PDB file of N, CA and C in Angstrom:
ATOM      1  N   UNK A   1     -17.421 -13.492  -3.468  1.00  0.00           N
ATOM      2  CA  UNK A   1     -17.619 -12.097  -3.832  1.00  0.00           C
ATOM      3  C   UNK A   1     -16.486 -11.259  -3.226  1.00  0.00           C
ATOM      4  N   UNK A   2     -15.826 -10.445  -4.015  1.00  0.00           N
ATOM      5  CA  UNK A   2     -14.722  -9.642  -3.506  1.00  0.00           C
ATOM      6  C   UNK A   2     -15.186  -8.685  -2.411  1.00  0.00           C
ATOM      7  N   UNK A   3     -14.355  -8.496  -1.418  1.00  0.00           N
ATOM      8  CA  UNK A   3     -14.661  -7.603  -0.316  1.00  0.00           C
ATOM      9  C   UNK A   3     -14.868  -6.172  -0.793  1.00  0.00           C
ATOM     10  N   UNK A   4     -14.084  -5.719  -1.755  1.00  0.00           N
ATOM     11  CA  UNK A   4     -14.124  -4.332  -2.183  1.00  0.00           C
ATOM     12  C   UNK A   4     -14.934  -4.105  -3.458  1.00  0.00           C
ATOM     13  N   UNK A   5     -15.647  -5.086  -3.949  1.00  0.00           N
ATOM     14  CA  UNK A   5     -16.436  -4.896  -5.156  1.00  0.00           C
ATOM     15  C   UNK A   5     -15.637  -5.230  -6.402  1.00  0.00           C
ATOM     16  N   UNK A   6     -16.101  -4.748  -7.539  1.00  0.00           N
ATOM     17  CA  UNK A   6     -15.461  -5.073  -8.817  1.00  0.00           C
ATOM     18  C   UNK A   6     -14.353  -4.097  -9.134  1.00  0.00           C
ATOM     19  N   UNK A   7     -13.180  -4.645  -9.448  1.00  0.00           N
ATOM     20  CA  UNK A   7     -12.043  -3.829  -9.841  1.00  0.00           C
ATOM     21  C   UNK A   7     -11.493  -3.005  -8.695  1.00  0.00           C
ATOM     22  N   UNK A   8     -10.268  -2.521  -8.867  1.00  0.00           N
ATOM     23  CA  UNK A   8      -9.653  -1.744  -7.798  1.00  0.00           C
ATOM     24  C   UNK A   8     -10.227  -0.343  -7.695  1.00  0.00           C
ATOM     25  N   UNK A   9     -10.672   0.011  -6.523  1.00  0.00           N
ATOM     26  CA  UNK A   9     -11.144   1.365  -6.250  1.00  0.00           C
ATOM     27  C   UNK A   9     -10.047   2.152  -5.561  1.00  0.00           C
ATOM     28  N   UNK A  10     -10.395   3.356  -5.141  1.00  0.00           N
ATOM     29  CA  UNK A  10      -9.406   4.230  -4.506  1.00  0.00           C
ATOM     30  C   UNK A  10      -9.933   4.707  -3.161  1.00  0.00           C
ATOM     31  N   UNK A  11      -9.018   4.894  -2.233  1.00  0.00           N
ATOM     32  CA  UNK A  11      -9.334   5.380  -0.896  1.00  0.00           C
ATOM     33  C   UNK A  11      -8.546   6.644  -0.608  1.00  0.00           C
ATOM     34  N   UNK A  12      -9.073   7.474   0.275  1.00  0.00           N
ATOM     35  CA  UNK A  12      -8.278   8.578   0.806  1.00  0.00           C
ATOM     36  C   UNK A  12      -7.282   7.974   1.798  1.00  0.00           C
ATOM     37  N   UNK A  13      -6.244   8.710   2.144  1.00  0.00           N
ATOM     38  CA  UNK A  13      -5.320   8.186   3.153  1.00  0.00           C
ATOM     39  C   UNK A  13      -6.029   7.849   4.475  1.00  0.00           C
ATOM     40  N   UNK A  14      -6.967   8.686   4.895  1.00  0.00           N
ATOM     41  CA  UNK A  14      -7.676   8.434   6.139  1.00  0.00           C
ATOM     42  C   UNK A  14      -8.487   7.135   6.054  1.00  0.00           C
ATOM     43  N   UNK A  15      -9.159   6.914   4.938  1.00  0.00           N
ATOM     44  CA  UNK A  15      -9.920   5.678   4.759  1.00  0.00           C
ATOM     45  C   UNK A  15      -8.990   4.467   4.744  1.00  0.00           C
ATOM     46  N   UNK A  16      -7.830   4.613   4.101  1.00  0.00           N
ATOM     47  CA  UNK A  16      -6.861   3.515   4.056  1.00  0.00           C
ATOM     48  C   UNK A  16      -6.371   3.178   5.456  1.00  0.00           C
ATOM     49  N   UNK A  17      -6.079   4.190   6.239  1.00  0.00           N
ATOM     50  CA  UNK A  17      -5.620   3.936   7.615  1.00  0.00           C
ATOM     51  C   UNK A  17      -6.704   3.218   8.412  1.00  0.00           C
ATOM     52  N   UNK A  18      -7.946   3.662   8.288  1.00  0.00           N
ATOM     53  CA  UNK A  18      -9.042   3.011   9.001  1.00  0.00           C
ATOM     54  C   UNK A  18      -9.165   1.539   8.600  1.00  0.00           C
ATOM     55  N   UNK A  19      -9.058   1.251   7.326  1.00  0.00           N
ATOM     56  CA  UNK A  19      -9.209  -0.130   6.842  1.00  0.00           C
ATOM     57  C   UNK A  19      -8.048  -1.034   7.222  1.00  0.00           C
ATOM     58  N   UNK A  20      -6.865  -0.446   7.390  1.00  0.00           N
ATOM     59  CA  UNK A  20      -5.686  -1.290   7.611  1.00  0.00           C
ATOM     60  C   UNK A  20      -5.251  -1.356   9.071  1.00  0.00           C
ATOM     61  N   UNK A  21      -5.902  -0.664   9.963  1.00  0.00           N
ATOM     62  CA  UNK A  21      -5.499  -0.730  11.371  1.00  0.00           C
ATOM     63  C   UNK A  21      -6.172  -1.874  12.118  1.00  0.00           C
ATOM     64  N   UNK A  22      -7.089  -2.588  11.483  1.00  0.00           N
ATOM     65  CA  UNK A  22      -7.781  -3.690  12.175  1.00  0.00           C
ATOM     66  C   UNK A  22      -7.095  -5.041  11.960  1.00  0.00           C
ATOM     67  N   UNK A  23      -5.966  -5.058  11.254  1.00  0.00           N
ATOM     68  CA  UNK A  23      -5.192  -6.271  10.989  1.00  0.00           C
ATOM     69  C   UNK A  23      -5.896  -7.305  10.112  1.00  0.00           C
ATOM     70  N   UNK A  24      -6.966  -6.924   9.427  1.00  0.00           N
ATOM     71  CA  UNK A  24      -7.565  -7.840   8.456  1.00  0.00           C
ATOM     72  C   UNK A  24      -7.171  -7.453   7.039  1.00  0.00           C
ATOM     73  N   UNK A  25      -6.930  -6.173   6.815  1.00  0.00           N
ATOM     74  CA  UNK A  25      -6.520  -5.658   5.514  1.00  0.00           C
ATOM     75  C   UNK A  25      -5.071  -5.203   5.608  1.00  0.00           C
ATOM     76  N   UNK A  26      -4.277  -5.522   4.587  1.00  0.00           N
ATOM     77  CA  UNK A  26      -2.845  -5.220   4.576  1.00  0.00           C
ATOM     78  C   UNK A  26      -2.573  -3.976   3.742  1.00  0.00           C
ATOM     79  N   UNK A  27      -1.781  -3.050   4.290  1.00  0.00           N
ATOM     80  CA  UNK A  27      -1.300  -1.899   3.538  1.00  0.00           C
ATOM     81  C   UNK A  27       0.005  -2.317   2.882  1.00  0.00           C
ATOM     82  N   UNK A  28       0.020  -2.370   1.560  1.00  0.00           N
ATOM     83  CA  UNK A  28       1.178  -2.818   0.790  1.00  0.00           C
ATOM     84  C   UNK A  28       1.841  -1.627   0.114  1.00  0.00           C
ATOM     85  N   UNK A  29       3.040  -1.298   0.550  1.00  0.00           N
ATOM     86  CA  UNK A  29       3.813  -0.186  -0.007  1.00  0.00           C
ATOM     87  C   UNK A  29       4.623  -0.720  -1.179  1.00  0.00           C
ATOM     88  N   UNK A  30       4.391  -0.169  -2.372  1.00  0.00           N
ATOM     89  CA  UNK A  30       5.031  -0.684  -3.587  1.00  0.00           C
ATOM     90  C   UNK A  30       6.167   0.210  -4.087  1.00  0.00           C
ATOM     91  N   UNK A  31       6.635   1.123  -3.233  1.00  0.00           N
ATOM     92  CA  UNK A  31       7.763   1.975  -3.620  1.00  0.00           C
ATOM     93  C   UNK A  31       9.071   1.190  -3.548  1.00  0.00           C
ATOM     94  N   UNK A  32      10.107   1.749  -4.106  1.00  0.00           N
ATOM     95  CA  UNK A  32      11.420   1.111  -4.083  1.00  0.00           C
ATOM     96  C   UNK A  32      12.030   1.200  -2.678  1.00  0.00           C
ATOM     97  N   UNK A  33      13.013   0.367  -2.417  1.00  0.00           N
ATOM     98  CA  UNK A  33      13.585   0.216  -1.081  1.00  0.00           C
ATOM     99  C   UNK A  33      14.094   1.526  -0.467  1.00  0.00           C
ATOM    100  N   UNK A  34      14.832   2.384  -1.185  1.00  0.00           N
ATOM    101  CA  UNK A  34      15.273   3.632  -0.555  1.00  0.00           C
ATOM    102  C   UNK A  34      14.092   4.515  -0.097  1.00  0.00           C
ATOM    103  N   UNK A  35      13.014   4.532  -0.881  1.00  0.00           N
ATOM    104  CA  UNK A  35      11.828   5.300  -0.498  1.00  0.00           C
ATOM    105  C   UNK A  35      11.203   4.722   0.767  1.00  0.00           C
ATOM    106  N   UNK A  36      11.082   3.391   0.807  1.00  0.00           N
ATOM    107  CA  UNK A  36      10.522   2.682   1.967  1.00  0.00           C
ATOM    108  C   UNK A  36      11.341   2.979   3.223  1.00  0.00           C
ATOM    109  N   UNK A  37      12.661   2.886   3.105  1.00  0.00           N
ATOM    110  CA  UNK A  37      13.532   3.106   4.258  1.00  0.00           C
ATOM    111  C   UNK A  37      13.417   4.524   4.803  1.00  0.00           C
ATOM    112  N   UNK A  38      13.216   5.505   3.919  1.00  0.00           N
ATOM    113  CA  UNK A  38      13.106   6.898   4.346  1.00  0.00           C
ATOM    114  C   UNK A  38      11.837   7.136   5.157  1.00  0.00           C
ATOM    115  N   UNK A  39      10.746   6.506   4.760  1.00  0.00           N
ATOM    116  CA  UNK A  39       9.512   6.699   5.501  1.00  0.00           C
ATOM    117  C   UNK A  39       8.350   5.941   4.906  1.00  0.00           C
ATOM    118  N   UNK A  40       7.618   5.252   5.770  1.00  0.00           N
ATOM    119  CA  UNK A  40       6.444   4.486   5.359  1.00  0.00           C
ATOM    120  C   UNK A  40       5.419   4.484   6.491  1.00  0.00           C
ATOM    121  N   UNK A  41       4.242   4.016   6.198  1.00  0.00           N
ATOM    122  CA  UNK A  41       3.193   3.934   7.212  1.00  0.00           C
ATOM    123  C   UNK A  41       3.520   2.815   8.192  1.00  0.00           C
ATOM    124  N   UNK A  42       3.343   3.047   9.487  1.00  0.00           N
ATOM    125  CA  UNK A  42       3.581   1.979  10.457  1.00  0.00           C
ATOM    126  C   UNK A  42       2.695   0.770  10.139  1.00  0.00           C
ATOM    127  N   UNK A  43       3.275  -0.405  10.216  1.00  0.00           N
ATOM    128  CA  UNK A  43       2.522  -1.631   9.966  1.00  0.00           C
ATOM    129  C   UNK A  43       2.399  -2.022   8.507  1.00  0.00           C
ATOM    130  N   UNK A  44       2.881  -1.168   7.604  1.00  0.00           N
ATOM    131  CA  UNK A  44       2.807  -1.494   6.173  1.00  0.00           C
ATOM    132  C   UNK A  44       3.761  -2.634   5.842  1.00  0.00           C
ATOM    133  N   UNK A  45       3.454  -3.333   4.760  1.00  0.00           N
ATOM    134  CA  UNK A  45       4.282  -4.406   4.229  1.00  0.00           C
ATOM    135  C   UNK A  45       4.905  -3.879   2.946  1.00  0.00           C
ATOM    136  N   UNK A  46       6.155  -4.252   2.680  1.00  0.00           N
ATOM    137  CA  UNK A  46       6.871  -3.704   1.529  1.00  0.00           C
ATOM    138  C   UNK A  46       7.066  -4.745   0.428  1.00  0.00           C
ATOM    139  N   UNK A  47       6.706  -4.387  -0.787  1.00  0.00           N
ATOM    140  CA  UNK A  47       7.022  -5.160  -1.985  1.00  0.00           C
ATOM    141  C   UNK A  47       7.043  -4.188  -3.159  1.00  0.00           C
ATOM    142  N   UNK A  48       8.225  -3.869  -3.680  1.00  0.00           N
ATOM    143  CA  UNK A  48       8.318  -2.903  -4.779  1.00  0.00           C
ATOM    144  C   UNK A  48       7.517  -3.334  -6.009  1.00  0.00           C
ATOM    145  N   UNK A  49       6.936  -2.368  -6.681  1.00  0.00           N
ATOM    146  CA  UNK A  49       6.185  -2.630  -7.901  1.00  0.00           C
ATOM    147  C   UNK A  49       7.048  -3.364  -8.921  1.00  0.00           C
ATOM    148  N   UNK A  50       8.328  -3.030  -9.010  1.00  0.00           N
ATOM    149  CA  UNK A  50       9.194  -3.697  -9.983  1.00  0.00           C
ATOM    150  C   UNK A  50       9.210  -5.207  -9.755  1.00  0.00           C
ATOM    151  N   UNK A  51       9.179  -5.635  -8.506  1.00  0.00           N
ATOM    152  CA  UNK A  51       9.151  -7.069  -8.200  1.00  0.00           C
ATOM    153  C   UNK A  51       7.793  -7.673  -8.520  1.00  0.00           C
ATOM    154  N   UNK A  52       6.723  -6.933  -8.242  1.00  0.00           N
ATOM    155  CA  UNK A  52       5.375  -7.416  -8.601  1.00  0.00           C
ATOM    156  C   UNK A  52       5.272  -7.616 -10.106  1.00  0.00           C
ATOM    157  N   UNK A  53       5.763  -6.640 -10.861  1.00  0.00           N
ATOM    158  CA  UNK A  53       5.711  -6.727 -12.322  1.00  0.00           C
ATOM    159  C   UNK A  53       6.535  -7.897 -12.847  1.00  0.00           C
ATOM    160  N   UNK A  54       7.577  -8.271 -12.089  1.00  0.00           N
ATOM    161  CA  UNK A  54       8.426  -9.402 -12.481  1.00  0.00           C
ATOM    162  C   UNK A  54       7.822 -10.740 -12.062  1.00  0.00           C
ATOM    163  N   UNK A  55       6.641 -10.694 -11.446  1.00  0.00           N
ATOM    164  CA  UNK A  55       5.944 -11.930 -11.090  1.00  0.00           C
ATOM    165  C   UNK A  55       6.041 -12.354  -9.643  1.00  0.00           C
ATOM    166  N   UNK A  56       6.620 -11.522  -8.789  1.00  0.00           N
ATOM    167  CA  UNK A  56       6.746 -11.877  -7.376  1.00  0.00           C
ATOM    168  C   UNK A  56       5.371 -12.070  -6.745  1.00  0.00           C
ATOM    169  N   UNK A  57       5.316 -13.023  -5.839  1.00  0.00           N
ATOM    170  CA  UNK A  57       4.090 -13.267  -5.075  1.00  0.00           C
ATOM    171  C   UNK A  57       3.982 -12.239  -3.956  1.00  0.00           C
ATOM    172  N   UNK A  58       2.781 -12.064  -3.460  1.00  0.00           N
ATOM    173  CA  UNK A  58       2.583 -11.198  -2.306  1.00  0.00           C
ATOM    174  C   UNK A  58       3.354 -11.754  -1.107  1.00  0.00           C
ATOM    175  N   UNK A  59       3.828 -10.875  -0.220  1.00  0.00           N
ATOM    176  CA  UNK A  59       4.449 -11.358   1.010  1.00  0.00           C
ATOM    177  C   UNK A  59       3.454 -12.233   1.784  1.00  0.00           C
ATOM    178  N   UNK A  60       3.972 -13.150   2.581  1.00  0.00           N
ATOM    179  CA  UNK A  60       3.129 -14.101   3.312  1.00  0.00           C
ATOM    180  C   UNK A  60       2.031 -13.409   4.111  1.00  0.00           C
ATOM    181  N   UNK A  61       2.353 -12.286   4.770  1.00  0.00           N
ATOM    182  CA  UNK A  61       1.361 -11.620   5.601  1.00  0.00           C
ATOM    183  C   UNK A  61       0.231 -10.969   4.795  1.00  0.00           C
ATOM    184  N   UNK A  62       0.372 -10.896   3.476  1.00  0.00           N
ATOM    185  CA  UNK A  62      -0.666 -10.314   2.629  1.00  0.00           C
ATOM    186  C   UNK A  62      -1.453 -11.361   1.841  1.00  0.00           C
ATOM    187  N   UNK A  63      -0.966 -12.578   1.809  1.00  0.00           N
ATOM    188  CA  UNK A  63      -1.631 -13.614   1.013  1.00  0.00           C
ATOM    189  C   UNK A  63      -2.982 -13.987   1.622  1.00  0.00           C
ATOM    190  N   UNK A  64      -3.989 -14.034   0.770  1.00  0.00           N
ATOM    191  CA  UNK A  64      -5.325 -14.417   1.192  1.00  0.00           C
ATOM    192  C   UNK A  64      -6.062 -13.343   1.966  1.00  0.00           C
ATOM    193  N   UNK A  65      -5.537 -12.138   1.973  1.00  0.00           N
ATOM    194  CA  UNK A  65      -6.166 -11.028   2.703  1.00  0.00           C
ATOM    195  C   UNK A  65      -6.427  -9.870   1.747  1.00  0.00           C
ATOM    196  N   UNK A  66      -7.405  -9.018   2.063  1.00  0.00           N
ATOM    197  CA  UNK A  66      -7.586  -7.800   1.267  1.00  0.00           C
ATOM    198  C   UNK A  66      -6.342  -6.921   1.383  1.00  0.00           C
ATOM    199  N   UNK A  67      -6.048  -6.185   0.313  1.00  0.00           N
ATOM    200  CA  UNK A  67      -4.837  -5.370   0.238  1.00  0.00           C
ATOM    201  C   UNK A  67      -5.195  -3.945  -0.175  1.00  0.00           C
ATOM    202  N   UNK A  68      -4.507  -2.977   0.416  1.00  0.00           N
ATOM    203  CA  UNK A  68      -4.557  -1.581  -0.009  1.00  0.00           C
ATOM    204  C   UNK A  68      -3.143  -1.214  -0.417  1.00  0.00           C
ATOM    205  N   UNK A  69      -2.950  -0.822  -1.676  1.00  0.00           N
ATOM    206  CA  UNK A  69      -1.618  -0.464  -2.173  1.00  0.00           C
ATOM    207  C   UNK A  69      -1.366   1.030  -2.003  1.00  0.00           C
ATOM    208  N   UNK A  70      -0.091   1.365  -1.795  1.00  0.00           N
ATOM    209  CA  UNK A  70       0.303   2.766  -1.654  1.00  0.00           C
ATOM    210  C   UNK A  70       1.693   2.948  -2.255  1.00  0.00           C
ATOM    211  N   UNK A  71       1.932   4.120  -2.833  1.00  0.00           N
ATOM    212  CA  UNK A  71       3.253   4.504  -3.340  1.00  0.00           C
ATOM    213  C   UNK A  71       3.495   5.951  -2.918  1.00  0.00           C
ATOM    214  N   UNK A  72       4.287   6.703  -3.643  1.00  0.00           N
ATOM    215  CA  UNK A  72       4.537   8.105  -3.274  1.00  0.00           C
ATOM    216  C   UNK A  72       3.377   9.009  -3.653  1.00  0.00           C
ATOM    217  N   UNK A  73       2.880   8.872  -4.892  1.00  0.00           N
ATOM    218  CA  UNK A  73       1.848   9.810  -5.356  1.00  0.00           C
ATOM    219  C   UNK A  73       0.556   9.147  -5.821  1.00  0.00           C
ATOM    220  N   UNK A  74       0.555   7.851  -5.983  1.00  0.00           N
ATOM    221  CA  UNK A  74      -0.659   7.146  -6.400  1.00  0.00           C
ATOM    222  C   UNK A  74      -0.571   6.466  -7.749  1.00  0.00           C
ATOM    223  N   UNK A  75       0.432   6.779  -8.553  1.00  0.00           N
ATOM    224  CA  UNK A  75       0.531   6.180  -9.892  1.00  0.00           C
ATOM    225  C   UNK A  75       0.943   4.706  -9.822  1.00  0.00           C
ATOM    226  N   UNK A  76       2.042   4.425  -9.139  1.00  0.00           N
ATOM    227  CA  UNK A  76       2.515   3.039  -9.051  1.00  0.00           C
ATOM    228  C   UNK A  76       1.548   2.157  -8.269  1.00  0.00           C
ATOM    229  N   UNK A  77       0.927   2.714  -7.228  1.00  0.00           N
ATOM    230  CA  UNK A  77      -0.010   1.906  -6.446  1.00  0.00           C
ATOM    231  C   UNK A  77      -1.239   1.562  -7.271  1.00  0.00           C
ATOM    232  N   UNK A  78      -1.645   2.456  -8.147  1.00  0.00           N
ATOM    233  CA  UNK A  78      -2.775   2.170  -9.041  1.00  0.00           C
ATOM    234  C   UNK A  78      -2.401   1.029  -9.989  1.00  0.00           C
ATOM    235  N   UNK A  79      -1.202   1.090 -10.515  1.00  0.00           N
ATOM    236  CA  UNK A  79      -0.706   0.036 -11.402  1.00  0.00           C
ATOM    237  C   UNK A  79      -0.639  -1.298 -10.653  1.00  0.00           C
ATOM    238  N   UNK A  80      -0.135  -1.267  -9.427  1.00  0.00           N
ATOM    239  CA  UNK A  80      -0.055  -2.485  -8.612  1.00  0.00           C
ATOM    240  C   UNK A  80      -1.456  -3.023  -8.309  1.00  0.00           C
ATOM    241  N   UNK A  81      -2.396  -2.139  -8.008  1.00  0.00           N
ATOM    242  CA  UNK A  81      -3.767  -2.571  -7.703  1.00  0.00           C
ATOM    243  C   UNK A  81      -4.392  -3.262  -8.911  1.00  0.00           C
ATOM    244  N   UNK A  82      -4.181  -2.715 -10.085  1.00  0.00           N
ATOM    245  CA  UNK A  82      -4.730  -3.338 -11.291  1.00  0.00           C
ATOM    246  C   UNK A  82      -4.110  -4.712 -11.528  1.00  0.00           C
ATOM    247  N   UNK A  83      -2.796  -4.821 -11.329  1.00  0.00           N
ATOM    248  CA  UNK A  83      -2.116  -6.104 -11.495  1.00  0.00           C
ATOM    249  C   UNK A  83      -2.639  -7.123 -10.480  1.00  0.00           C
ATOM    250  N   UNK A  84      -2.733  -6.704  -9.217  1.00  0.00           N
ATOM    251  CA  UNK A  84      -3.203  -7.623  -8.178  1.00  0.00           C
ATOM    252  C   UNK A  84      -4.663  -8.018  -8.400  1.00  0.00           C
ATOM    253  N   UNK A  85      -5.487  -7.087  -8.855  1.00  0.00           N
ATOM    254  CA  UNK A  85      -6.882  -7.416  -9.150  1.00  0.00           C
ATOM    255  C   UNK A  85      -6.951  -8.477 -10.245  1.00  0.00           C
ATOM    256  N   UNK A  86      -6.058  -8.383 -11.233  1.00  0.00           N
ATOM    257  CA  UNK A  86      -6.051  -9.372 -12.312  1.00  0.00           C
ATOM    258  C   UNK A  86      -5.627 -10.750 -11.800  1.00  0.00           C
ATOM    259  N   UNK A  87      -4.950 -10.780 -10.648  1.00  0.00           N
ATOM    260  CA  UNK A  87      -4.548 -12.033 -10.008  1.00  0.00           C
ATOM    261  C   UNK A  87      -5.606 -12.531  -9.014  1.00  0.00           C
ATOM    262  N   UNK A  88      -6.724 -11.801  -8.926  1.00  0.00           N
ATOM    263  CA  UNK A  88      -7.806 -12.226  -8.048  1.00  0.00           C
ATOM    264  C   UNK A  88      -7.740 -11.693  -6.632  1.00  0.00           C
ATOM    265  N   UNK A  89      -6.867 -10.717  -6.379  1.00  0.00           N
ATOM    266  CA  UNK A  89      -6.735 -10.139  -5.042  1.00  0.00           C
ATOM    267  C   UNK A  89      -7.807  -9.063  -4.857  1.00  0.00           C
ATOM    268  N   UNK A  90      -8.425  -9.026  -3.674  1.00  0.00           N
ATOM    269  CA  UNK A  90      -9.317  -7.921  -3.306  1.00  0.00           C
ATOM    270  C   UNK A  90      -8.423  -6.748  -2.966  1.00  0.00           C
ATOM    271  N   UNK A  91      -8.469  -5.691  -3.770  1.00  0.00           N
ATOM    272  CA  UNK A  91      -7.477  -4.624  -3.648  1.00  0.00           C
ATOM    273  C   UNK A  91      -8.069  -3.251  -3.935  1.00  0.00           C
ATOM    274  N   UNK A  92      -7.563  -2.268  -3.223  1.00  0.00           N
ATOM    275  CA  UNK A  92      -7.818  -0.847  -3.432  1.00  0.00           C
ATOM    276  C   UNK A  92      -6.467  -0.153  -3.408  1.00  0.00           C
ATOM    277  N   UNK A  93      -6.437   1.119  -3.813  1.00  0.00           N
ATOM    278  CA  UNK A  93      -5.188   1.863  -3.646  1.00  0.00           C
ATOM    279  C   UNK A  93      -5.461   3.223  -3.038  1.00  0.00           C
ATOM    280  N   UNK A  94      -4.392   3.848  -2.541  1.00  0.00           N
ATOM    281  CA  UNK A  94      -4.495   5.120  -1.830  1.00  0.00           C
ATOM    282  C   UNK A  94      -4.323   6.271  -2.812  1.00  0.00           C
ATOM    283  N   UNK A  95      -5.362   7.078  -2.927  1.00  0.00           N
ATOM    284  CA  UNK A  95      -5.330   8.270  -3.788  1.00  0.00           C
ATOM    285  C   UNK A  95      -4.335   9.272  -3.204  1.00  0.00           C
ATOM    286  N   UNK A  96      -3.347   9.674  -4.003  1.00  0.00           N
ATOM    287  CA  UNK A  96      -2.357  10.653  -3.559  1.00  0.00           C
ATOM    288  C   UNK A  96      -1.167  10.051  -2.844  1.00  0.00           C
ATOM    289  N   UNK A  97      -1.206   8.754  -2.581  1.00  0.00           N
ATOM    290  CA  UNK A  97      -0.078   8.030  -2.019  1.00  0.00           C
ATOM    291  C   UNK A  97       0.415   8.525  -0.670  1.00  0.00           C
ATOM    292  N   UNK A  98       1.659   8.212  -0.390  1.00  0.00           N
ATOM    293  CA  UNK A  98       2.268   8.588   0.884  1.00  0.00           C
ATOM    294  C   UNK A  98       2.426  10.094   1.019  1.00  0.00           C
ATOM    295  N   UNK A  99       2.511  10.804  -0.095  1.00  0.00           N
ATOM    296  CA  UNK A  99       2.560  12.269  -0.011  1.00  0.00           C
ATOM    297  C   UNK A  99       1.281  12.788   0.617  1.00  0.00           C
ATOM    298  N   UNK A 100       0.134  12.290   0.157  1.00  0.00           N
ATOM    299  CA  UNK A 100      -1.152  12.691   0.726  1.00  0.00           C
ATOM    300  C   UNK A 100      -1.298  12.167   2.157  1.00  0.00           C
ATOM    301  N   UNK A 101      -0.778  10.978   2.410  1.00  0.00           N
ATOM    302  CA  UNK A 101      -0.813  10.382   3.752  1.00  0.00           C
ATOM    303  C   UNK A 101      -0.131  11.328   4.751  1.00  0.00           C
ATOM    304  N   UNK A 102       1.088  11.750   4.413  1.00  0.00           N
ATOM    305  CA  UNK A 102       1.833  12.650   5.304  1.00  0.00           C
ATOM    306  C   UNK A 102       1.144  14.000   5.434  1.00  0.00           C
ATOM    307  N   UNK A 103       0.625  14.537   4.336  1.00  0.00           N
ATOM    308  CA  UNK A 103      -0.076  15.828   4.375  1.00  0.00           C
ATOM    309  C   UNK A 103      -1.322  15.759   5.249  1.00  0.00           C
ATOM    310  N   UNK A 104      -1.921  14.575   5.354  1.00  0.00           N
ATOM    311  CA  UNK A 104      -3.109  14.391   6.194  1.00  0.00           C
ATOM    312  C   UNK A 104      -2.732  14.258   7.669  1.00  0.00           C
ATOM    313  N   UNK A 105      -1.429  14.291   7.974  1.00  0.00           N
ATOM    314  CA  UNK A 105      -0.980  14.192   9.352  1.00  0.00           C
ATOM    315  C   UNK A 105      -0.930  12.778   9.895  1.00  0.00           C
ATOM    316  N   UNK A 106      -0.994  11.791   9.006  1.00  0.00           N
ATOM    317  CA  UNK A 106      -0.931  10.403   9.430  1.00  0.00           C
ATOM    318  C   UNK A 106       0.526  10.016   9.686  1.00  0.00           C
ATOM    319  N   UNK A 107       0.765   9.044  10.545  1.00  0.00           N
ATOM    320  CA  UNK A 107       2.145   8.730  10.939  1.00  0.00           C
ATOM    321  C   UNK A 107       2.991   8.139   9.817  1.00  0.00           C
ATOM    322  N   UNK A 108       4.271   8.509   9.843  1.00  0.00           N
ATOM    323  CA  UNK A 108       5.277   8.011   8.910  1.00  0.00           C
ATOM    324  C   UNK A 108       6.505   7.655   9.744  1.00  0.00           C
ATOM    325  N   UNK A 109       7.034   6.452   9.545  1.00  0.00           N
ATOM    326  CA  UNK A 109       8.221   6.019  10.277  1.00  0.00           C
ATOM    327  C   UNK A 109       9.309   5.604   9.289  1.00  0.00           C
ATOM    328  N   UNK A 110      10.555   5.703   9.736  1.00  0.00           N
ATOM    329  CA  UNK A 110      11.657   5.259   8.903  1.00  0.00           C
ATOM    330  C   UNK A 110      11.938   3.781   9.171  1.00  0.00           C
ATOM    331  N   UNK A 111      13.018   3.262   8.606  1.00  0.00           N
ATOM    332  CA  UNK A 111      13.335   1.844   8.748  1.00  0.00           C
ATOM    333  C   UNK A 111      13.612   1.439  10.192  1.00  0.00           C
ATOM    334  N   UNK A 112      13.919   2.402  11.049  1.00  0.00           N
ATOM    335  CA  UNK A 112      14.189   2.103  12.458  1.00  0.00           C
ATOM    336  C   UNK A 112      12.971   2.351  13.347  1.00  0.00           C
ATOM    337  N   UNK A 113      11.849   2.742  12.730  1.00  0.00           N
ATOM    338  CA  UNK A 113      10.631   2.979  13.489  1.00  0.00           C
ATOM    339  C   UNK A 113      10.534   4.379  14.080  1.00  0.00           C
ATOM    340  N   UNK A 114      11.451   5.257  13.683  1.00  0.00           N
ATOM    341  CA  UNK A 114      11.413   6.652  14.142  1.00  0.00           C
ATOM    342  C   UNK A 114      10.735   7.513  13.094  1.00  0.00           C
ATOM    343  N   UNK A 115      10.531   8.776  13.389  1.00  0.00           N
ATOM    344  CA  UNK A 115       9.902   9.695  12.450  1.00  0.00           C
ATOM    345  C   UNK A 115      10.569   9.635  11.081  1.00  0.00           C
ATOM    346  N   UNK A 116       9.788   9.370  10.065  1.00  0.00           N
ATOM    347  CA  UNK A 116      10.323   9.250   8.715  1.00  0.00           C
ATOM    348  C   UNK A 116       9.898  10.405   7.838  1.00  0.00           C
ATOM    349  N   UNK A 117      10.342  10.360   6.603  1.00  0.00           N
ATOM    350  CA  UNK A 117       9.978  11.381   5.613  1.00  0.00           C
ATOM    351  C   UNK A 117       9.639  10.672   4.308  1.00  0.00           C
ATOM    352  N   UNK A 118       8.917  11.372   3.459  1.00  0.00           N
ATOM    353  CA  UNK A 118       8.531  10.802   2.169  1.00  0.00           C
ATOM    354  C   UNK A 118       9.552  11.215   1.132  1.00  0.00           C
ATOM    355  N   UNK A 119      10.220  10.215   0.552  1.00  0.00           N
ATOM    356  CA  UNK A 119      11.269  10.466  -0.439  1.00  0.00           C
ATOM    357  C   UNK A 119      10.683  10.399  -1.837  1.00  0.00           C
TER     358      UNK A 119
END
């Protein structure tokens, strides 16, 4: 039985942070590399949606674990969640994406682990 129920649901940024800080659920950022480098959630794993659509497998740290997808505004992460659900992954996505994450005051770091911004 899937951890998150049937089909991909949506979480607020705060709910996503709560679910992904226990190291059992992976936050998967599906934005493109320049966006990721500018700013992402600490501890997130990166795999651009374009690579997922091309058939790329989940990164090793996300395989066999529940996943929460995130992008800039929520559109690409929703698309990624639907694709991953069709592959049998227990998945949710973040409503409003990293823009909502930052607006909620949640941490954002750049590629060097310093204060980042949402591109």
